[in-house]
């Protein structure tokens, strides 16, 4: 079983902003930051929901 890395809130925000700045390239962002595609997708959606409330 592989270990998973915990990301701080600041790291998640940086990943989300990178993804948005690169035209929502979820897979490219996932590879760059060594995180799952699903995590990137969920973090972006949560960020947008919180931002546009």
N, C-alpha and C. Protein backbone atom coordinates (compact mmCIF):
# COMPACT_ATOMS: atom_id res chain seq x y z
N UNK A 1 0.84 -1.18 0.00
CA UNK A 1 0.00 0.00 0.00
C UNK A 1 0.89 1.25 0.00
N UNK A 2 0.58 2.19 -0.86
CA UNK A 2 1.41 3.39 -0.95
C UNK A 2 1.00 4.43 0.08
N UNK A 3 1.95 5.25 0.45
CA UNK A 3 1.66 6.30 1.40
C UNK A 3 1.04 7.48 0.67
N UNK A 4 0.16 8.19 1.37
CA UNK A 4 -0.43 9.39 0.80
C UNK A 4 0.10 10.60 1.53
N UNK A 5 0.28 11.67 0.80
CA UNK A 5 0.81 12.89 1.38
C UNK A 5 -0.36 13.78 1.80
N UNK A 6 -0.23 14.37 2.96
CA UNK A 6 -1.22 15.34 3.41
C UNK A 6 -0.81 16.71 2.88
N UNK A 7 -1.76 17.44 2.34
CA UNK A 7 -1.49 18.77 1.82
C UNK A 7 -2.13 19.80 2.73
N UNK A 8 -1.36 20.83 3.06
CA UNK A 8 -1.91 21.91 3.88
C UNK A 8 -2.88 22.73 3.05
N UNK A 9 -3.65 23.56 3.72
CA UNK A 9 -4.60 24.42 3.02
C UNK A 9 -3.88 25.32 2.02
N UNK A 10 -2.73 25.86 2.41
CA UNK A 10 -1.98 26.73 1.53
C UNK A 10 -1.50 25.98 0.28
N UNK A 11 -1.05 24.74 0.47
CA UNK A 11 -0.61 23.94 -0.67
C UNK A 11 -1.78 23.64 -1.60
N UNK A 12 -2.93 23.32 -1.03
CA UNK A 12 -4.11 23.03 -1.86
C UNK A 12 -4.52 24.25 -2.66
N UNK A 13 -4.50 25.41 -2.03
CA UNK A 13 -4.87 26.63 -2.74
C UNK A 13 -3.89 26.91 -3.88
N UNK A 14 -2.61 26.71 -3.64
CA UNK A 14 -1.60 26.90 -4.69
C UNK A 14 -1.85 25.95 -5.85
N UNK A 15 -2.19 24.70 -5.55
CA UNK A 15 -2.48 23.71 -6.59
C UNK A 15 -3.72 24.12 -7.38
N UNK A 16 -4.75 24.55 -6.68
CA UNK A 16 -5.99 24.99 -7.33
C UNK A 16 -5.73 26.18 -8.25
N UNK A 17 -5.00 27.16 -7.76
CA UNK A 17 -4.72 28.36 -8.57
C UNK A 17 -3.88 28.01 -9.79
N UNK A 18 -2.93 27.08 -9.63
CA UNK A 18 -2.14 26.63 -10.77
C UNK A 18 -3.04 25.97 -11.81
N UNK A 19 -3.94 25.11 -11.36
CA UNK A 19 -4.85 24.40 -12.25
C UNK A 19 -5.74 25.40 -13.02
N UNK A 20 -6.31 26.36 -12.31
CA UNK A 20 -7.18 27.35 -12.95
C UNK A 20 -6.38 28.20 -13.95
N UNK A 21 -5.18 28.60 -13.57
CA UNK A 21 -4.35 29.42 -14.45
C UNK A 21 -3.94 28.67 -15.71
N UNK A 22 -3.95 27.35 -15.67
CA UNK A 22 -3.58 26.54 -16.82
C UNK A 22 -4.80 25.92 -17.48
N UNK A 23 -5.87 26.70 -17.56
CA UNK A 23 -7.10 26.31 -18.26
C UNK A 23 -7.69 24.99 -17.75
N UNK A 24 -7.71 24.85 -16.45
CA UNK A 24 -8.32 23.68 -15.80
C UNK A 24 -7.71 22.37 -16.29
N UNK A 25 -6.39 22.34 -16.36
CA UNK A 25 -5.66 21.13 -16.76
C UNK A 25 -5.48 20.24 -15.52
N UNK A 26 -6.53 19.50 -15.20
CA UNK A 26 -6.52 18.67 -13.99
C UNK A 26 -5.43 17.60 -14.04
N UNK A 27 -5.32 16.92 -15.18
CA UNK A 27 -4.34 15.83 -15.26
C UNK A 27 -2.91 16.36 -15.22
N UNK A 28 -2.63 17.45 -15.90
CA UNK A 28 -1.30 18.04 -15.86
C UNK A 28 -0.93 18.53 -14.46
N UNK A 29 -1.91 19.11 -13.78
CA UNK A 29 -1.69 19.58 -12.41
C UNK A 29 -1.44 18.40 -11.49
N UNK A 30 -2.21 17.34 -11.67
CA UNK A 30 -2.04 16.15 -10.83
C UNK A 30 -0.65 15.57 -10.97
N UNK A 31 -0.15 15.51 -12.18
CA UNK A 31 1.19 14.97 -12.41
C UNK A 31 2.24 15.89 -11.80
N UNK A 32 2.11 17.19 -12.03
CA UNK A 32 3.10 18.15 -11.54
C UNK A 32 3.23 18.11 -10.02
N UNK A 33 2.10 18.03 -9.32
CA UNK A 33 2.13 18.08 -7.85
C UNK A 33 2.02 16.71 -7.19
N UNK A 34 2.04 15.65 -7.99
CA UNK A 34 1.97 14.27 -7.49
C UNK A 34 0.78 14.06 -6.56
N UNK A 35 -0.39 14.40 -7.07
CA UNK A 35 -1.65 14.25 -6.36
C UNK A 35 -2.62 13.61 -7.34
N UNK A 36 -3.69 13.03 -6.85
CA UNK A 36 -4.62 12.37 -7.76
C UNK A 36 -5.45 13.38 -8.53
N UNK A 37 -5.85 12.98 -9.71
CA UNK A 37 -6.73 13.79 -10.55
C UNK A 37 -7.99 14.14 -9.77
N UNK A 38 -8.55 13.16 -9.08
CA UNK A 38 -9.79 13.36 -8.34
C UNK A 38 -9.64 14.42 -7.25
N UNK A 39 -8.52 14.41 -6.55
CA UNK A 39 -8.28 15.43 -5.53
C UNK A 39 -8.23 16.82 -6.15
N UNK A 40 -7.50 16.96 -7.24
CA UNK A 40 -7.40 18.26 -7.90
C UNK A 40 -8.79 18.74 -8.32
N UNK A 41 -9.54 17.85 -8.93
CA UNK A 41 -10.89 18.20 -9.39
C UNK A 41 -11.76 18.65 -8.21
N UNK A 42 -11.76 17.88 -7.14
CA UNK A 42 -12.58 18.21 -5.97
C UNK A 42 -12.15 19.53 -5.33
N UNK A 43 -10.85 19.75 -5.21
CA UNK A 43 -10.36 20.98 -4.60
C UNK A 43 -10.76 22.19 -5.43
N UNK A 44 -10.68 22.09 -6.76
CA UNK A 44 -11.07 23.20 -7.63
C UNK A 44 -12.56 23.48 -7.48
N UNK A 45 -13.37 22.46 -7.47
CA UNK A 45 -14.82 22.65 -7.35
C UNK A 45 -15.18 23.27 -6.01
N UNK A 46 -14.56 22.81 -4.93
CA UNK A 46 -14.81 23.39 -3.61
C UNK A 46 -14.38 24.84 -3.55
N UNK A 47 -13.21 25.12 -4.15
CA UNK A 47 -12.70 26.50 -4.17
C UNK A 47 -13.68 27.42 -4.89
N UNK A 48 -14.18 26.95 -6.05
CA UNK A 48 -15.11 27.77 -6.82
C UNK A 48 -16.44 27.95 -6.09
N UNK A 49 -16.92 26.91 -5.43
CA UNK A 49 -18.17 27.02 -4.69
C UNK A 49 -18.03 28.04 -3.54
N UNK A 50 -16.91 27.99 -2.83
CA UNK A 50 -16.68 28.92 -1.72
C UNK A 50 -16.48 30.34 -2.23
N UNK A 51 -15.84 30.47 -3.36
CA UNK A 51 -15.53 31.78 -3.90
C UNK A 51 -16.75 32.48 -4.44
N UNK A 52 -17.68 31.74 -5.03
CA UNK A 52 -18.84 32.35 -5.69
C UNK A 52 -20.12 32.28 -4.87
N UNK A 53 -20.00 31.99 -3.57
CA UNK A 53 -21.19 31.97 -2.72
C UNK A 53 -21.72 33.34 -2.48
